[in-house]
Amino acid sequence: MKRISLCENKINLVLEITDDQEVKLLHFSALPFEEKDLVSVNGLLPFTLVELQATGYDKTGVRHGTNYVRTGPGYRLKYRDFNDTRNECGRKLEIVTWDEPSGLEVHSHLQFYDGIAVVRSWSEVVNKGSEPQGIEYVSSFALTGISKEGLMEAGEKMKLYIPRNGWQKEFHWNEFYLKELGMSTAQSEDYHRSSVTIEVGNSGAWSTKEYLPVGYLRNEEVGAGLYWQIENNGSWYWEISDQDGQYYLKLSGPTEHQSHWWVELKPGERFESVKAAVGSAVGTIDEAMGELTRYRRRIRRKNEDNETLPVIFNDYMNCLFGEPTTEKELPMIRRAAEIGCEYYCVDCGWYSDGHWWNSVGEWQPSAKRFPGGIKEVMDAIRSSGMIPGLWLEIEVMGLECPLADKVSDDWYFKRHGKRISDMSRYQLDFRNPEVRKHADEVIDRMVNEYGVGYIKMDYNIEPGIGTETDADSFGDGLLKHNRAYLEWLDTVFARYPNLVIENCSSGGMRIDYAMLSRHSIQSTSDLEEYKKYSTISANAPTGLTPEQAAVWSYPMRDGDEEETIYNMVNAMLLRIHQSGHILEMSDSRVDLIREGIACYKQIRGDIKDGVPFWPLGLSHYEDSWSALGLAAGENIYVAVWRRTSDSPCETIPVPVLHGREVKLTQIYPKQEAYQAGYQWNKEDGAFTVKMDREYTARVFKLRPCCSE
């Protein structure tokens, strides 16, 4: 028996190589390792490092339902090699195990990042045997013993935070004790195992149509938490269940059972799982999301957009709604520049004379909408001092597009011999060189001919479980397409490193760090109700960094000053995505937009480095009050929203400033007529705010008085 123990970036990790040459992950936590916590009726058997299920191999030893426990040949993998090295990111572990009868070898990778309590984990399966092997499941990360610290029963002390996500319902977190999800212990304490599984995942190309690929599990008894994200722009899966007296967490990409994924590895071939990030910290979800924020910034493509955070105007939401023309755009461009916008994006409809939904795909500008050509509008944007942008949906072809039937069937996803369509669009397959050539020609034309520096890249369909073309399974075709699309994106950014491409999928239907490690900015929602958008705004930093989170500010034509302020506050600690009928508002409301943008420009240097926290907890759509904080060095910013409340007052805790004298100011809006009541209480480490009217919002800055 051999133990490998390390503490790296405040994560304690313990591996054991048993006398039978099995590799066990005994511990992964911010808390120290305690031998006494390894209580199991079967000893160390459940503490598997990796799960691997291949076709034809027995799952053995437990009544497990469809749980990924005792997978075959995963349960019989033996130790082969261990490498402990350092690279530009930090410490890197690689553990090699293998199964002699099948010839399958697994490389388990654990990449640490200096100064961040997060590990990136993935598995690589190599067929070193003489026969093909069908892979049904491989874990990206597997950890048993997630509830082992403390004395209380797991169902009573373990609280799981699950982020539901959906169209116009993004970032909606819910909290459950494990017992509330059917995980109470019914068997003897050291024996319990169950077919009950907490399953969260996605099947299809809209990676976040039901859930964010993120989770948080907190041990309320000992005050430590485990947090994770899965990084795939398609299907993914995680589960929590129990085995031999311990609870486990297993993360993966697509699976055969959940997402119709299966791949055949011929001798000499290899498969790499999707990547997952996992961390542990003492504290609350604030500490967890702070570490994930730092990690997300570390793995992201370096780009100027996330350093400078320019203000975007987009003509769609509560504005032109997909009906752009030169006549409408030119005065809007002038006004957008006057109020301080720096990008101006012409949204959908620019490529069609009339109804455009079914005909997308050629991406040629409409001469009827733009008699002088689209370049006239792009030039007007640039002449006004802004960077021009256009909407695009490059991954689809409309059923009525003139090109649709002129290209071969292998351009498209197919199942059972038929093209797959959704919402009157076909899904293009980016493994096809002709598809990528078509996409390159469109991008090159937009950049080089039209002068575009910003693309809103939308994606409005869900083509389902995948494609049969050149694939071992539907899910295999989808995963290969997902990866081919990412490779294509990389080539675009290599050609045009300063091009900003917004990731949009009907709003927030693809908020994952396969995409966001490349894109500098992400649409957070299509929600048209600004009063509810504040929950999306407050919770957005749970899914992505603040500087990547584009939030609509779209004052309504018939709104008033407080409605305008509320819209602006929704966006001001993230990325301003300005819209609305800015030509049809009172001067006082336009002045409030202008003031909000000017204030944003003063603080955006802090936003790009700020770490989020939630003074009132994560926001829910029914909350009376919500708040989002950003801590950036000595400067702390807090956005506060009052929706409906019986009281005009609310206390906003800022624990990091407890006991300190603080300069508290309302930085938006600054006009005396809109000043809220507010007061700092150093003994409580909190400030009280008073807003007399419902549906009002303000932004505050706190700075310790000893700081300049």
Foldseek 3Di string as FASTA:
>chain_A
DDWDWDAALLWTWIWDQDPLQAIFTAGTASDDDDPVLQFFPVGRQFRHWKFWAWPPFDQDDDPAAPDRTSHPPRSVWGWDDWDWDADPFGIKIWTWTADVVQQKIKIWIWDHGHNFQKTKIWMKIARQDQFKIKTFDMFRGKGKFQQSPDDDFQQVFKKKWWAFQAALAGRFIDIHRVVVQVAGDDDPQQADFDNRKDKDKFFFQLGRHTGAQKMKMAGRVQQKIKIKGFFFRHIWMKMWTDGRNIIMITTFGDGCVPQWDMAMHHHGGMDMTTMMMMGMDGHDVLSVLLSVQVVLVVLADDAVCLQQQFAEEEQDFLHCPAQAAPVRQLVVLLLCLVLPGAEYEYEHNQQDPDDPQQADDQPAGDCNRYVPGLLVSQVSNVVSNHAYEYEHALQKGGLNHPCPVVDDPLQFADDPRDFFDFSRITGGQLVDPVSLVSSVVNVCCCCVVSVHQEYAHEAEGTRGSAHDPPGPTRVRRVRVSSVSVLVSLVVVCVVPVRRAYEYYYQANSRLRSSVRSYHQAYGHHPNNDLLLLLLSLQSVSSRHAQARYEAEQEQHLPDDQQSNLSSLLSNQLHRYHYYYHLVRDDPVSSVLSSLSSVLSSVCSSQSSVWRKDWQVPRDHSPDQKGKIWTDRPQKIKMKIWGADDPFQKDKGADPVQAQFAKDKDFVPPPDPVPDWDKDDDNNRRIMMTGDPDHGGMTMMMIGGPVDD
